[in-house]
Protein backbone atom coordinates (compact mmCIF):
# COMPACT_ATOMS: atom_id res chain seq x y z
CA MET A 1 120.98 118.63 63.96
CA LYS A 2 120.58 115.11 62.18
CA ARG A 3 121.51 113.26 64.79
CA LEU A 4 118.62 114.55 66.93
CA VAL A 5 116.46 114.43 63.68
CA LEU A 6 118.15 110.22 63.59
CA VAL A 7 117.48 109.82 67.79
CA LEU A 8 113.78 110.82 67.53
CA ALA A 9 112.50 108.52 64.38
CA PHE A 10 114.32 105.93 66.32
CA PHE A 11 111.91 106.86 69.22
CA ALA A 12 108.77 106.89 66.52
CA ILE A 13 109.80 104.48 65.70
CA SER A 14 110.44 102.08 69.04
CA PHE A 15 107.25 103.58 70.21
CA GLY A 16 104.91 102.62 67.26
CA THR A 17 106.11 98.91 67.94
CA PHE A 18 105.95 99.26 71.83
CA ALA A 19 102.48 100.41 71.72
CA GLN A 20 100.90 97.72 69.68
CA SER A 21 102.78 95.30 72.43
CA VAL A 22 99.83 95.93 75.11
CA SER A 23 97.59 93.19 74.57
CA GLU A 24 93.60 93.08 73.88
CA SER A 25 92.50 92.93 77.65
CA THR A 26 94.82 95.54 78.99
CA ILE A 27 93.38 97.99 76.52
CA THR A 28 89.74 97.01 78.63
CA LYS A 29 90.82 97.21 81.54
CA ARG A 30 92.46 100.98 80.60
CA GLU A 31 88.92 101.50 79.06
CA ASN A 32 86.45 100.48 82.17
CA ARG A 33 89.17 102.44 84.54
CA LYS A 34 89.21 105.32 82.68
CA GLY A 35 89.92 108.79 85.45
CA MET A 36 88.90 106.47 88.03
CA VAL A 37 89.44 106.86 92.21
CA LEU A 38 89.26 103.33 93.68
CA LYS A 39 89.38 103.10 96.82
CA GLU A 40 90.45 100.45 99.83
CA TRP A 41 88.93 100.06 103.05
CA ASN A 42 89.63 97.33 105.44
CA THR A 43 88.52 96.23 108.69
CA ALA A 44 90.27 94.06 111.51
CA ALA A 45 88.61 91.50 112.58
CA GLY A 46 86.37 92.05 115.81
CA ASP A 47 86.18 95.48 114.44
CA LYS A 48 83.41 96.99 112.44
CA ARG A 49 85.26 100.70 112.03
CA ALA A 50 86.64 100.26 108.38
CA PHE A 51 89.75 102.02 107.80
CA LEU A 52 90.47 103.59 104.59
CA ASP A 53 93.56 100.53 103.33
CA ARG A 54 94.89 101.97 99.95
CA VAL A 55 93.64 104.71 97.33
CA THR A 56 94.08 104.35 93.63
CA THR A 57 94.16 107.05 91.03
CA TYR A 58 93.56 106.77 87.10
CA ASP A 59 94.15 109.64 84.37
CA GLN A 60 91.40 109.67 81.27
CA PHE A 61 93.28 106.36 79.55
CA GLY A 62 93.32 104.43 82.75
CA ARG A 63 96.22 103.93 83.65
CA LYS A 64 98.00 103.47 86.65
CA VAL A 65 98.93 107.66 87.70
CA GLU A 66 99.38 106.82 91.66
CA GLU A 67 99.12 104.42 94.23
CA ILE A 68 98.96 105.53 98.11
CA GLU A 69 99.15 102.66 100.55
CA TYR A 70 98.03 103.75 104.58
CA ALA A 71 98.37 102.61 107.20
CA SER A 72 96.83 103.62 111.36
CA TYR A 73 99.04 106.66 110.87
CA GLY A 74 98.25 108.10 107.86
CA GLN A 75 100.32 107.72 104.44
CA LYS A 76 102.53 104.50 104.69
CA TRP A 77 104.03 105.10 100.88
CA ARG A 78 102.99 106.86 97.23
CA ILE A 79 103.45 105.79 94.26
CA VAL A 80 103.76 108.20 90.91
CA SER A 81 103.50 106.50 87.61
CA GLU A 82 104.87 108.04 84.36
CA TYR A 83 104.35 107.02 80.75
CA PRO A 84 105.40 108.41 77.42
CA GLU A 85 105.21 111.79 76.66
CA ASN A 86 101.81 112.37 74.04
CA SER A 87 100.52 108.88 74.69
CA ASP A 88 97.69 107.10 75.30
CA ILE A 89 96.07 104.26 75.69
CA THR A 90 98.66 101.32 75.19
CA ALA A 91 101.42 102.90 76.46
CA LYS A 92 103.65 101.51 79.16
CA VAL A 93 104.85 102.76 82.77
CA VAL A 94 108.54 103.99 81.85
CA ARG A 95 108.91 105.10 85.36
CA GLU A 96 107.88 105.54 88.34
CA ILE A 97 108.64 107.70 91.53
CA GLU A 98 107.78 105.68 95.28
CA TYR A 99 107.46 108.08 97.87
CA ASN A 100 107.87 107.86 102.03
CA ASP A 101 105.22 108.12 104.77
CA ARG A 102 106.87 111.90 104.73
CA ASP A 103 106.26 111.82 100.78
CA LYS A 104 109.79 111.94 100.21
CA VAL A 105 110.85 110.33 97.74
CA VAL A 106 113.05 106.99 98.27
CA ARG A 107 113.19 105.65 95.12
CA ILE A 108 113.04 105.85 91.47
CA ARG A 109 112.98 103.27 89.00
CA LYS A 110 112.69 103.65 85.01
CA PHE A 111 111.41 100.55 83.09
CA GLU A 112 112.50 98.98 79.60
CA TYR A 113 111.25 97.25 76.87
CA ASP A 114 112.14 94.40 74.86
CA GLU A 115 110.65 95.02 70.88
CA GLU A 116 107.74 92.32 71.75
CA GLY A 117 106.78 95.03 74.55
CA ALA A 118 108.08 92.99 77.21
CA LYS A 119 109.50 94.54 80.27
CA VAL A 120 113.79 93.24 80.66
CA LYS A 121 115.18 96.00 82.49
CA GLN A 122 114.28 97.74 86.06
CA LEU A 123 116.25 100.49 86.63
CA ASN A 124 116.52 101.90 90.48
CA TYR A 125 117.61 104.72 91.58
CA TYR A 126 118.22 106.58 94.90
CA PRO A 127 116.73 110.14 94.45
CA ASN A 128 120.25 111.91 94.27
CA GLY A 129 120.18 109.76 90.90
CA LYS A 130 122.50 107.36 91.43
CA LEU A 131 122.19 103.37 90.21
CA GLU A 132 120.73 101.65 93.63
CA SER A 133 120.40 98.20 91.20
CA VAL A 134 119.17 96.52 88.84
CA LYS A 135 116.91 93.62 88.22
CA THR A 136 116.44 91.96 84.83
CA TYR A 137 113.51 89.71 83.11
CA GLU A 138 113.86 86.85 81.75
CA TYR A 139 111.11 84.47 80.06
CA VAL A 140 111.61 81.03 79.94
CA PRO A 141 109.28 79.47 77.71
CA LYS A 142 107.44 76.51 79.60
């Protein structure tokens, strides 16, 4: 029980630091996108018919929760973004699930951030949960 309390305390402290790391401009953008569904339409050269190209859905905090790319035959791919439970407008995405044109899971991405909120690692998993690859981020000052 004591270990569980320590783990929960660690996450609470980490989340508090993590939550403060989102920039003011990001919060403003999220405020403007609360509950929005953005539809992007495309028109081929020489054609007057527009077709649906992409749909992006935002949650009640203005955070991107789903993005769908379309082609002439229908859905090309779909990505669902997840945030920490009980989080607010300041939370960063912790997991993305990518689906193919048949709506089958093809990849799961998990993200890790440092204490300043910068993304430091992306772990890519196969649908069966096996680790596929790890991408690390290095920030080099000018």
